[in-house]
Structure formats: structure tokens, C-alpha cells
Amino acid sequence: MAFADFEDLAARYDARLIRDLASDSGTPVSDAEAGSDPRIAAALDDGAGRILAACLNGRIYSEDDLLALVGSSLALLKRINCELAVVFLMGRRLDKFTSEEYQRAMEAAEAYLDRLRKGERLFQVPANLDATVPEIDGPHVTTYNRLNLLPERCRPFYPNRAQRLPIGREG
């Protein structure tokens, strides 16, 4: 289940290159066959699998979240899927590319996946929009004073509690 199809792939890359990379005979796949070509579909599915593996690794996005994307977030998801598919198609025809070109394409395609694995929020999912906004939460000085901890019992030795709490939590 890919997030993009041949039309998305052709909109982002040269369709002649895609049809050529999908061919095993040396003759590019025809326009009529390209939309249903099993090699192109497999490359897109493999790319979607990598995206899902990266997203589910950090549990920031679910498969349903990705399927519900719209607008620019959907366009980015399709871009990532297409980049991965092109790299997989390039891997089928390594005689056409140098190892440096292939390696550079693979690193560029993997860059977004690394960001997803590390927990960066690339897609605009309503449930995740406020997740990166920091909040200060914690006890006030009076709460600590009631606990009667060692710093309160040995006042000359430790700095007072107000100097050790975050700004706005002194009182």
C-alpha cells in the first residue's frame, strides 16, 4: 500500500527515466503499462514500507495518521515515497549510475526517514501540533516546605528553595 502512484512519481521525476529504470529488456516500459507496472508498484510499496517503519519506530504517527494527511503534508509524504521509489528503481539498474550517484541518492532519500526515526514531527497531524510546545510544570515553594526535606532543615548550608526552582515557581 503505497502513499503515491505512478502519476505522482511522474510529476516529481522524468517519466522517461522511470519507465527506463523499470524495464528489464532495455526497452522502456510504455506509457500505458507504466501505471500498472509491477516493478514500479513494488518500488513505491517498498518506499511506503520504509516510511511506515520509520514513523512507527518513534510512535509519533500511526498508519491512519499518514492516510489522513492532506495538503502540503500529503505532498511531502508523496515526495518521500517517490524519492525512495526512484532509489529502489536505480538499484535495479546499477549499470546506468556510478556508485557515488547511487549512494548520494540513497542518503538524500534516507535523510527524511532519519528525521522521522529521531522523532521530528514533519507532518501536520492535529493531535501532534501542540506536542512540541514546552510547558513548565512542577511544585511551588510551599509544597516543598510542607515536605520538610533536608534543605529546609539545614537552611544555612543549602540555598533557599526560591533560588533552585524555575522562574515563576518561587511563590
N, C-alpha and C. Protein backbone atom coordinates (compact mmCIF):
# COMPACT_ATOMS: atom_id res chain seq x y z
N MET A 1 0.84 -1.16 0.00
CA MET A 1 0.00 0.00 0.00
C MET A 1 0.89 1.24 0.00
N ALA A 2 1.11 1.79 -1.19
CA ALA A 2 1.97 2.95 -1.33
C ALA A 2 1.18 4.24 -1.07
N PHE A 3 1.91 5.28 -0.70
CA PHE A 3 1.29 6.58 -0.47
C PHE A 3 1.26 7.41 -1.75
N ALA A 4 1.92 6.92 -2.81
CA ALA A 4 1.98 7.61 -4.09
C ALA A 4 1.74 6.59 -5.20
N ASP A 5 1.48 7.10 -6.40
CA ASP A 5 1.31 6.21 -7.55
C ASP A 5 2.19 6.70 -8.69
N PHE A 6 2.07 6.07 -9.85
CA PHE A 6 2.93 6.44 -10.98
C PHE A 6 2.75 7.89 -11.38
N GLU A 7 1.53 8.41 -11.31
CA GLU A 7 1.29 9.80 -11.68
C GLU A 7 2.05 10.75 -10.74
N ASP A 8 2.06 10.43 -9.46
CA ASP A 8 2.83 11.23 -8.50
C ASP A 8 4.33 11.14 -8.80
N LEU A 9 4.76 9.94 -9.13
CA LEU A 9 6.17 9.72 -9.46
C LEU A 9 6.56 10.50 -10.71
N ALA A 10 5.70 10.46 -11.74
CA ALA A 10 5.98 11.17 -12.99
C ALA A 10 5.90 12.68 -12.81
N ALA A 11 5.13 13.16 -11.85
CA ALA A 11 5.05 14.59 -11.58
C ALA A 11 6.31 15.11 -10.90
N ARG A 12 7.04 14.23 -10.23
CA ARG A 12 8.22 14.64 -9.48
C ARG A 12 9.53 14.27 -10.18
N TYR A 13 9.50 13.31 -11.06
CA TYR A 13 10.69 12.86 -11.79
C TYR A 13 10.35 12.67 -13.26
N ASP A 14 11.37 12.62 -14.08
CA ASP A 14 11.18 12.43 -15.51
C ASP A 14 10.56 11.06 -15.76
N ALA A 15 9.39 11.05 -16.39
CA ALA A 15 8.68 9.78 -16.64
C ALA A 15 9.48 8.86 -17.53
N ARG A 16 10.28 9.43 -18.45
CA ARG A 16 11.11 8.58 -19.32
C ARG A 16 12.14 7.81 -18.49
N LEU A 17 12.73 8.48 -17.51
CA LEU A 17 13.71 7.82 -16.64
C LEU A 17 13.04 6.70 -15.84
N ILE A 18 11.87 6.97 -15.30
CA ILE A 18 11.15 5.97 -14.50
C ILE A 18 10.82 4.75 -15.36
N ARG A 19 10.29 5.00 -16.57
CA ARG A 19 9.94 3.88 -17.44
C ARG A 19 11.18 3.10 -17.85
N ASP A 20 12.30 3.79 -18.05
CA ASP A 20 13.55 3.12 -18.41
C ASP A 20 14.07 2.28 -17.25
N LEU A 21 14.03 2.82 -16.05
CA LEU A 21 14.53 2.08 -14.88
C LEU A 21 13.68 0.86 -14.56
N ALA A 22 12.41 0.91 -14.91
CA ALA A 22 11.51 -0.20 -14.63
C ALA A 22 11.64 -1.34 -15.64
N SER A 23 12.32 -1.09 -16.74
CA SER A 23 12.42 -2.09 -17.80
C SER A 23 13.53 -3.11 -17.51
N ASP A 24 13.25 -4.35 -17.86
CA ASP A 24 14.27 -5.40 -17.78
C ASP A 24 14.84 -5.74 -19.15
N SER A 25 14.16 -5.31 -20.19
CA SER A 25 14.54 -5.70 -21.54
C SER A 25 15.42 -4.68 -22.24
N GLY A 26 15.59 -3.51 -21.68
CA GLY A 26 16.34 -2.46 -22.36
C GLY A 26 15.44 -1.51 -23.11
N THR A 27 14.21 -1.91 -23.34
CA THR A 27 13.21 -1.05 -23.97
C THR A 27 12.34 -0.48 -22.85
N PRO A 28 12.23 0.85 -22.78
CA PRO A 28 11.43 1.42 -21.69
C PRO A 28 10.00 0.90 -21.68
N VAL A 29 9.45 0.83 -20.50
CA VAL A 29 8.05 0.44 -20.33
C VAL A 29 7.18 1.49 -21.01
N SER A 30 6.12 1.07 -21.67
CA SER A 30 5.26 2.02 -22.37
C SER A 30 4.46 2.86 -21.38
N ASP A 31 3.95 3.98 -21.89
CA ASP A 31 3.12 4.85 -21.05
C ASP A 31 1.91 4.12 -20.50
N ALA A 32 1.30 3.29 -21.34
CA ALA A 32 0.09 2.57 -20.92
C ALA A 32 0.41 1.54 -19.83
N GLU A 33 1.59 0.92 -19.90
CA GLU A 33 1.95 -0.11 -18.93
C GLU A 33 2.51 0.47 -17.63
N ALA A 34 3.05 1.69 -17.68
CA ALA A 34 3.77 2.25 -16.53
C ALA A 34 2.89 2.36 -15.29
N GLY A 35 1.62 2.72 -15.47
CA GLY A 35 0.72 2.87 -14.33
C GLY A 35 0.45 1.58 -13.60
N SER A 36 0.57 0.46 -14.30
CA SER A 36 0.29 -0.84 -13.67
C SER A 36 1.53 -1.74 -13.63
N ASP A 37 2.69 -1.18 -13.91
CA ASP A 37 3.92 -1.99 -13.93
C ASP A 37 4.23 -2.53 -12.52
N PRO A 38 4.46 -3.83 -12.39
CA PRO A 38 4.70 -4.39 -11.06
C PRO A 38 6.01 -3.92 -10.42
N ARG A 39 7.00 -3.60 -11.24
CA ARG A 39 8.28 -3.13 -10.68
C ARG A 39 8.15 -1.73 -10.09
N ILE A 40 7.41 -0.86 -10.75
CA ILE A 40 7.17 0.49 -10.24
C ILE A 40 6.30 0.41 -8.98
N ALA A 41 5.28 -0.42 -9.03
CA ALA A 41 4.41 -0.59 -7.86
C ALA A 41 5.19 -1.16 -6.68
N ALA A 42 6.09 -2.10 -6.95
CA ALA A 42 6.90 -2.68 -5.87
C ALA A 42 7.84 -1.64 -5.27
N ALA A 43 8.43 -0.79 -6.10
CA ALA A 43 9.33 0.26 -5.59
C ALA A 43 8.55 1.25 -4.72
N LEU A 44 7.34 1.61 -5.15
CA LEU A 44 6.52 2.52 -4.35
C LEU A 44 6.08 1.85 -3.04
N ASP A 45 5.73 0.58 -3.10
CA ASP A 45 5.35 -0.15 -1.88
C ASP A 45 6.53 -0.28 -0.92
N ASP A 46 7.72 -0.56 -1.48
CA ASP A 46 8.91 -0.65 -0.63
C ASP A 46 9.20 0.68 0.05
N GLY A 47 9.03 1.77 -0.68
CA GLY A 47 9.22 3.10 -0.10
C GLY A 47 8.21 3.36 1.01
N ALA A 48 6.96 2.98 0.79
CA ALA A 48 5.93 3.15 1.82
C ALA A 48 6.25 2.32 3.05
N GLY A 49 6.79 1.13 2.83
CA GLY A 49 7.18 0.28 3.96
C GLY A 49 8.27 0.93 4.80
N ARG A 50 9.24 1.54 4.13
CA ARG A 50 10.30 2.24 4.86
C ARG A 50 9.75 3.43 5.64
N ILE A 51 8.82 4.14 5.04
CA ILE A 51 8.21 5.29 5.73
C ILE A 51 7.46 4.82 6.96
N LEU A 52 6.67 3.79 6.81
CA LEU A 52 5.93 3.26 7.96
C LEU A 52 6.86 2.77 9.06
N ALA A 53 7.93 2.08 8.68
CA ALA A 53 8.87 1.59 9.68
C ALA A 53 9.49 2.76 10.46
N ALA A 54 9.83 3.84 9.76
CA ALA A 54 10.42 5.00 10.43
C ALA A 54 9.40 5.70 11.32
N CYS A 55 8.18 5.84 10.84
CA CYS A 55 7.14 6.54 11.62
C CYS A 55 6.71 5.74 12.84
N LEU A 56 6.57 4.45 12.67
CA LEU A 56 6.10 3.62 13.78
C LEU A 56 7.21 3.39 14.80
N ASN A 57 8.46 3.59 14.39
CA ASN A 57 9.58 3.44 15.32
C ASN A 57 9.46 4.41 16.48
N GLY A 58 9.17 5.67 16.20
CA GLY A 58 9.02 6.66 17.26
C GLY A 58 7.61 6.78 17.80
N ARG A 59 6.67 6.10 17.18
CA ARG A 59 5.25 6.13 17.55
C ARG A 59 4.67 7.53 17.57
N ILE A 60 5.19 8.38 16.69
CA ILE A 60 4.64 9.73 16.59
C ILE A 60 3.43 9.72 15.67
N TYR A 61 3.52 8.92 14.61
CA TYR A 61 2.43 8.80 13.65
C TYR A 61 1.98 7.36 13.57
N SER A 62 0.71 7.18 13.33
CA SER A 62 0.18 5.85 13.05
C SER A 62 -0.08 5.76 11.54
N GLU A 63 -0.36 4.58 11.08
CA GLU A 63 -0.68 4.42 9.66
C GLU A 63 -1.94 5.21 9.30
N ASP A 64 -2.89 5.25 10.21
CA ASP A 64 -4.11 6.03 9.97
C ASP A 64 -3.82 7.52 9.87
N ASP A 65 -2.88 8.02 10.69
CA ASP A 65 -2.48 9.43 10.61
C ASP A 65 -1.93 9.75 9.23
N LEU A 66 -1.09 8.86 8.71
CA LEU A 66 -0.48 9.11 7.41
C LEU A 66 -1.52 9.04 6.29
N LEU A 67 -2.46 8.13 6.40
CA LEU A 67 -3.50 8.01 5.38
C LEU A 67 -4.46 9.19 5.39
N ALA A 68 -4.56 9.89 6.52
CA ALA A 68 -5.49 11.02 6.65
C ALA A 68 -4.85 12.36 6.29
N LEU A 69 -3.58 12.38 5.91
CA LEU A 69 -2.92 13.64 5.60
C LEU A 69 -3.53 14.31 4.37
N VAL A 70 -3.50 15.64 4.38
CA VAL A 70 -3.99 16.43 3.26
C VAL A 70 -3.03 17.59 3.02
N GLY A 71 -3.18 18.24 1.89
CA GLY A 71 -2.42 19.46 1.61
C GLY A 71 -0.93 19.24 1.50
N SER A 72 -0.18 20.17 2.06
CA SER A 72 1.28 20.13 1.94
C SER A 72 1.89 18.94 2.67
N SER A 73 1.26 18.48 3.74
CA SER A 73 1.77 17.29 4.44
C SER A 73 1.65 16.06 3.56
N LEU A 74 0.55 15.94 2.84
CA LEU A 74 0.37 14.83 1.91
C LEU A 74 1.39 14.92 0.78
N ALA A 75 1.64 16.14 0.29
CA ALA A 75 2.63 16.33 -0.77
C ALA A 75 4.02 15.91 -0.31
N LEU A 76 4.38 16.24 0.94
CA LEU A 76 5.67 15.82 1.47
C LEU A 76 5.74 14.31 1.61
N LEU A 77 4.69 13.69 2.07
CA LEU A 77 4.66 12.24 2.19
C LEU A 77 4.84 11.58 0.82
N LYS A 78 4.15 12.10 -0.19
CA LYS A 78 4.31 11.57 -1.54
C LYS A 78 5.72 11.79 -2.06
N ARG A 79 6.31 12.94 -1.75
CA ARG A 79 7.69 13.24 -2.17
C ARG A 79 8.65 12.22 -1.58
N ILE A 80 8.53 11.95 -0.30
CA ILE A 80 9.41 10.98 0.35
C ILE A 80 9.21 9.61 -0.27
N ASN A 81 7.97 9.20 -0.50
CA ASN A 81 7.68 7.90 -1.11
C ASN A 81 8.28 7.82 -2.51
N CYS A 82 8.15 8.88 -3.29
CA CYS A 82 8.69 8.89 -4.65
C CYS A 82 10.22 8.87 -4.66
N GLU A 83 10.85 9.62 -3.76
CA GLU A 83 12.31 9.61 -3.68
C GLU A 83 12.82 8.21 -3.39
N LEU A 84 12.20 7.55 -2.44
CA LEU A 84 12.61 6.18 -2.11
C LEU A 84 12.39 5.24 -3.27
N ALA A 85 11.26 5.39 -3.97
CA ALA A 85 10.96 4.53 -5.11
C ALA A 85 12.00 4.70 -6.22
N VAL A 86 12.40 5.93 -6.49
CA VAL A 86 13.40 6.17 -7.53
C VAL A 86 14.73 5.53 -7.14
N VAL A 87 15.10 5.62 -5.89
CA VAL A 87 16.34 4.99 -5.44
C VAL A 87 16.26 3.48 -5.60
N PHE A 88 15.11 2.89 -5.25
CA PHE A 88 14.95 1.45 -5.42
C PHE A 88 14.99 1.05 -6.89
N LEU A 89 14.40 1.88 -7.75
CA LEU A 89 14.47 1.61 -9.19
C LEU A 89 15.89 1.78 -9.71
N MET A 90 16.62 2.76 -9.18
CA MET A 90 18.03 2.92 -9.55
C MET A 90 18.83 1.68 -9.16
N GLY A 91 18.50 1.11 -8.02
CA GLY A 91 19.19 -0.09 -7.56
C GLY A 91 19.00 -1.28 -8.47
N ARG A 92 17.93 -1.27 -9.24
CA ARG A 92 17.68 -2.34 -10.21
C ARG A 92 18.60 -2.21 -11.41
N ARG A 93 19.07 -0.99 -11.70
CA ARG A 93 19.86 -0.72 -12.90
C ARG A 93 21.16 -0.01 -12.52
N LEU A 94 21.97 -0.64 -11.72
CA LEU A 94 23.21 -0.02 -11.25
C LEU A 94 24.23 0.19 -12.37
N ASP A 95 24.02 -0.44 -13.53
CA ASP A 95 24.92 -0.23 -14.66
C ASP A 95 24.78 1.17 -15.25
N LYS A 96 23.68 1.86 -14.97
CA LYS A 96 23.43 3.20 -15.50
C LYS A 96 23.99 4.31 -14.61
N PHE A 97 24.36 3.98 -13.38
CA PHE A 97 24.78 5.01 -12.42
C PHE A 97 26.10 4.62 -11.77
N THR A 98 26.85 5.64 -11.38
CA THR A 98 28.06 5.37 -10.61
C THR A 98 27.65 5.07 -9.17
N SER A 99 28.54 4.44 -8.44
CA SER A 99 28.22 4.12 -7.05
C SER A 99 28.05 5.40 -6.22
N GLU A 100 28.77 6.47 -6.58
CA GLU A 100 28.63 7.74 -5.87
C GLU A 100 27.25 8.35 -6.09
N GLU A 101 26.77 8.29 -7.33
CA GLU A 101 25.44 8.82 -7.63
C GLU A 101 24.36 8.05 -6.87
N TYR A 102 24.49 6.74 -6.89
CA TYR A 102 23.51 5.91 -6.19
C TYR A 102 23.56 6.16 -4.69
N GLN A 103 24.78 6.23 -4.14
CA GLN A 103 24.93 6.46 -2.70
C GLN A 103 24.37 7.82 -2.28
N ARG A 104 24.62 8.84 -3.10
CA ARG A 104 24.11 10.18 -2.82
C ARG A 104 22.57 10.20 -2.84
N ALA A 105 21.99 9.52 -3.82
CA ALA A 105 20.53 9.44 -3.91
C ALA A 105 19.95 8.70 -2.70
N MET A 106 20.62 7.62 -2.28
CA MET A 106 20.16 6.85 -1.13
C MET A 106 20.24 7.68 0.14
N GLU A 107 21.31 8.43 0.33
CA GLU A 107 21.46 9.27 1.52
C GLU A 107 20.41 10.37 1.55
N ALA A 108 20.12 10.95 0.39
CA ALA A 108 19.09 12.01 0.34
C ALA A 108 17.72 11.43 0.68
N ALA A 109 17.43 10.25 0.18
CA ALA A 109 16.14 9.62 0.45
C ALA A 109 16.02 9.21 1.92
N GLU A 110 17.11 8.78 2.51
CA GLU A 110 17.10 8.34 3.90
C GLU A 110 17.09 9.50 4.89
N ALA A 111 17.42 10.71 4.45
CA ALA A 111 17.51 11.85 5.36
C ALA A 111 16.17 12.12 6.05
N TYR A 112 15.09 12.09 5.29
CA TYR A 112 13.77 12.30 5.90
C TYR A 112 13.41 11.17 6.84
N LEU A 113 13.77 9.95 6.47
CA LEU A 113 13.45 8.81 7.34
C LEU A 113 14.20 8.91 8.66
N ASP A 114 15.44 9.39 8.61
CA ASP A 114 16.19 9.57 9.86
C ASP A 114 15.52 10.60 10.76
N ARG A 115 15.01 11.67 10.16
CA ARG A 115 14.31 12.68 10.96
C ARG A 115 13.07 12.08 11.61
N LEU A 116 12.36 11.23 10.87
CA LEU A 116 11.17 10.59 11.44
C LEU A 116 11.55 9.62 12.55
N ARG A 117 12.64 8.87 12.35
CA ARG A 117 13.09 7.92 13.38
C ARG A 117 13.50 8.64 14.66
N LYS A 118 14.05 9.83 14.51
CA LYS A 118 14.50 10.59 15.68
C LYS A 118 13.35 11.30 16.39
N GLY A 119 12.17 11.23 15.82
CA GLY A 119 11.00 11.81 16.49
C GLY A 119 10.61 13.19 16.05
N GLU A 120 11.20 13.69 14.95
CA GLU A 120 10.78 15.01 14.47
C GLU A 120 9.39 14.90 13.85
N ARG A 121 8.61 15.92 14.06
CA ARG A 121 7.26 15.95 13.53
C ARG A 121 7.28 16.68 12.19
N LEU A 122 7.22 15.93 11.10
CA LEU A 122 7.28 16.52 9.78
C LEU A 122 5.90 16.81 9.21
N PHE A 123 4.92 16.03 9.64
CA PHE A 123 3.58 16.14 9.08
C PHE A 123 2.66 16.83 10.07
N GLN A 124 1.69 17.57 9.52
CA GLN A 124 0.77 18.32 10.36
C GLN A 124 -0.43 17.45 10.72
N VAL A 125 -0.31 16.74 11.82
CA VAL A 125 -1.39 15.94 12.36
C VAL A 125 -1.96 16.71 13.55
N PRO A 126 -3.26 17.01 13.54
CA PRO A 126 -3.83 17.86 14.60
C PRO A 126 -3.49 17.41 16.02
N ALA A 127 -3.45 16.13 16.27
CA ALA A 127 -3.17 15.65 17.63
C ALA A 127 -1.74 15.93 18.05
N ASN A 128 -0.83 16.14 17.08
CA ASN A 128 0.58 16.33 17.40
C ASN A 128 1.03 17.78 17.38
N LEU A 129 0.16 18.70 16.96
CA LEU A 129 0.60 20.08 16.78
C LEU A 129 1.08 20.73 18.08
N ASP A 130 0.44 20.46 19.19
CA ASP A 130 0.84 21.08 20.46
C ASP A 130 1.88 20.27 21.22
N ALA A 131 2.29 19.16 20.69
CA ALA A 131 3.21 18.28 21.42
C ALA A 131 4.60 18.88 21.59
N THR A 132 5.00 19.80 20.71
CA THR A 132 6.33 20.37 20.82
C THR A 132 6.36 21.68 21.59
N VAL A 133 5.22 22.13 22.10
CA VAL A 133 5.17 23.36 22.88
C VAL A 133 5.54 23.04 24.32
N PRO A 134 6.64 23.61 24.81
CA PRO A 134 7.06 23.28 26.18
C PRO A 134 6.15 23.92 27.23
N GLU A 135 5.99 23.23 28.31
CA GLU A 135 5.21 23.73 29.44
C GLU A 135 6.04 23.58 30.70
N ILE A 136 5.94 24.57 31.58
CA ILE A 136 6.61 24.47 32.87
C ILE A 136 5.60 24.00 33.88
N ASP A 137 5.92 22.90 34.51
CA ASP A 137 5.01 22.35 35.49
C ASP A 137 5.85 21.80 36.63
N GLY A 138 5.37 21.95 37.80
CA GLY A 138 6.09 21.42 38.95
C GLY A 138 5.57 22.04 40.23
N PRO A 139 6.11 21.61 41.33
CA PRO A 139 5.63 22.10 42.62
C PRO A 139 6.08 23.53 42.91
N HIS A 140 5.33 24.17 43.77
CA HIS A 140 5.67 25.51 44.25
C HIS A 140 6.51 25.37 45.52
N VAL A 141 7.05 26.49 45.98
CA VAL A 141 7.87 26.52 47.18
C VAL A 141 7.08 26.01 48.39
N THR A 142 5.83 26.40 48.50
CA THR A 142 5.05 25.98 49.66
C THR A 142 4.88 24.45 49.71
N THR A 143 4.78 23.83 48.57
CA THR A 143 4.67 22.37 48.52
C THR A 143 5.94 21.73 49.06
N TYR A 144 7.08 22.26 48.63
CA TYR A 144 8.35 21.73 49.12
C TYR A 144 8.52 21.98 50.62
N ASN A 145 8.10 23.15 51.09
CA ASN A 145 8.24 23.47 52.51
C ASN A 145 7.46 22.49 53.39
N ARG A 146 6.30 22.07 52.93
CA ARG A 146 5.50 21.12 53.68
C ARG A 146 6.16 19.74 53.77
N LEU A 147 7.00 19.43 52.82
CA LEU A 147 7.68 18.12 52.84
C LEU A 147 8.77 18.05 53.91
N ASN A 148 9.28 19.19 54.34
CA ASN A 148 10.31 19.27 55.38
C ASN A 148 11.54 18.43 55.00
N LEU A 149 12.03 18.68 53.80
CA LEU A 149 13.21 17.96 53.31
C LEU A 149 14.49 18.53 53.92
N LEU A 150 15.58 17.88 53.69
CA LEU A 150 16.87 18.25 54.26
C LEU A 150 17.25 19.71 53.97
N PRO A 151 17.06 20.25 52.76
CA PRO A 151 17.43 21.65 52.54
C PRO A 151 16.66 22.63 53.43
N GLU A 152 15.43 22.31 53.80
CA GLU A 152 14.66 23.19 54.68
C GLU A 152 15.12 23.06 56.13
N ARG A 153 15.62 21.92 56.50
CA ARG A 153 16.08 21.74 57.88
C ARG A 153 17.50 22.25 58.09
N CYS A 154 18.27 22.36 57.04
CA CYS A 154 19.66 22.83 57.13
C CYS A 154 19.81 24.13 56.33
N ARG A 155 19.07 25.13 56.68
CA ARG A 155 19.00 26.37 55.90
C ARG A 155 20.34 27.05 55.66
N PRO A 156 21.24 27.17 56.60
CA PRO A 156 22.47 27.90 56.29
C PRO A 156 23.34 27.17 55.25
N PHE A 157 23.17 25.86 55.12
CA PHE A 157 24.05 25.09 54.25
C PHE A 157 23.59 25.12 52.79
N TYR A 158 22.29 25.04 52.53
CA TYR A 158 21.75 25.00 51.17
C TYR A 158 21.17 26.34 50.79
N PRO A 159 21.19 26.71 49.47
CA PRO A 159 20.49 27.94 49.07
C PRO A 159 18.98 27.76 49.27
N ASN A 160 18.28 28.88 49.40
CA ASN A 160 16.85 28.75 49.64
C ASN A 160 16.14 28.18 48.41
N ARG A 161 14.96 27.65 48.64
CA ARG A 161 14.21 26.93 47.60
C ARG A 161 13.89 27.83 46.40
N ALA A 162 13.58 29.10 46.63
CA ALA A 162 13.22 30.01 45.55
C ALA A 162 14.36 30.16 44.55
N GLN A 163 15.58 30.03 44.98
CA GLN A 163 16.72 30.15 44.08
C GLN A 163 16.96 28.87 43.28
N ARG A 164 16.37 27.77 43.67
CA ARG A 164 16.58 26.50 42.99
C ARG A 164 15.41 26.08 42.11
N LEU A 165 14.31 26.79 42.14
CA LEU A 165 13.15 26.45 41.32
C LEU A 165 13.13 27.28 40.04
N PRO A 166 12.42 26.81 39.02
CA PRO A 166 12.31 27.59 37.76
C PRO A 166 11.63 28.93 38.01
N ILE A 167 11.89 29.88 37.14
CA ILE A 167 11.28 31.20 37.24
C ILE A 167 9.76 31.05 37.17
N GLY A 168 9.08 31.74 38.06
CA GLY A 168 7.63 31.68 38.08
C GLY A 168 7.10 30.63 39.07
N ARG A 169 7.99 29.86 39.68
CA ARG A 169 7.58 28.83 40.63
C ARG A 169 8.04 29.17 42.05
N GLU A 170 8.53 30.39 42.24
CA GLU A 170 9.07 30.74 43.56
C GLU A 170 7.99 30.87 44.63
N GLY A 171 6.78 31.22 44.27
CA GLY A 171 5.81 31.51 45.31
C GLY A 171 4.51 30.87 45.19
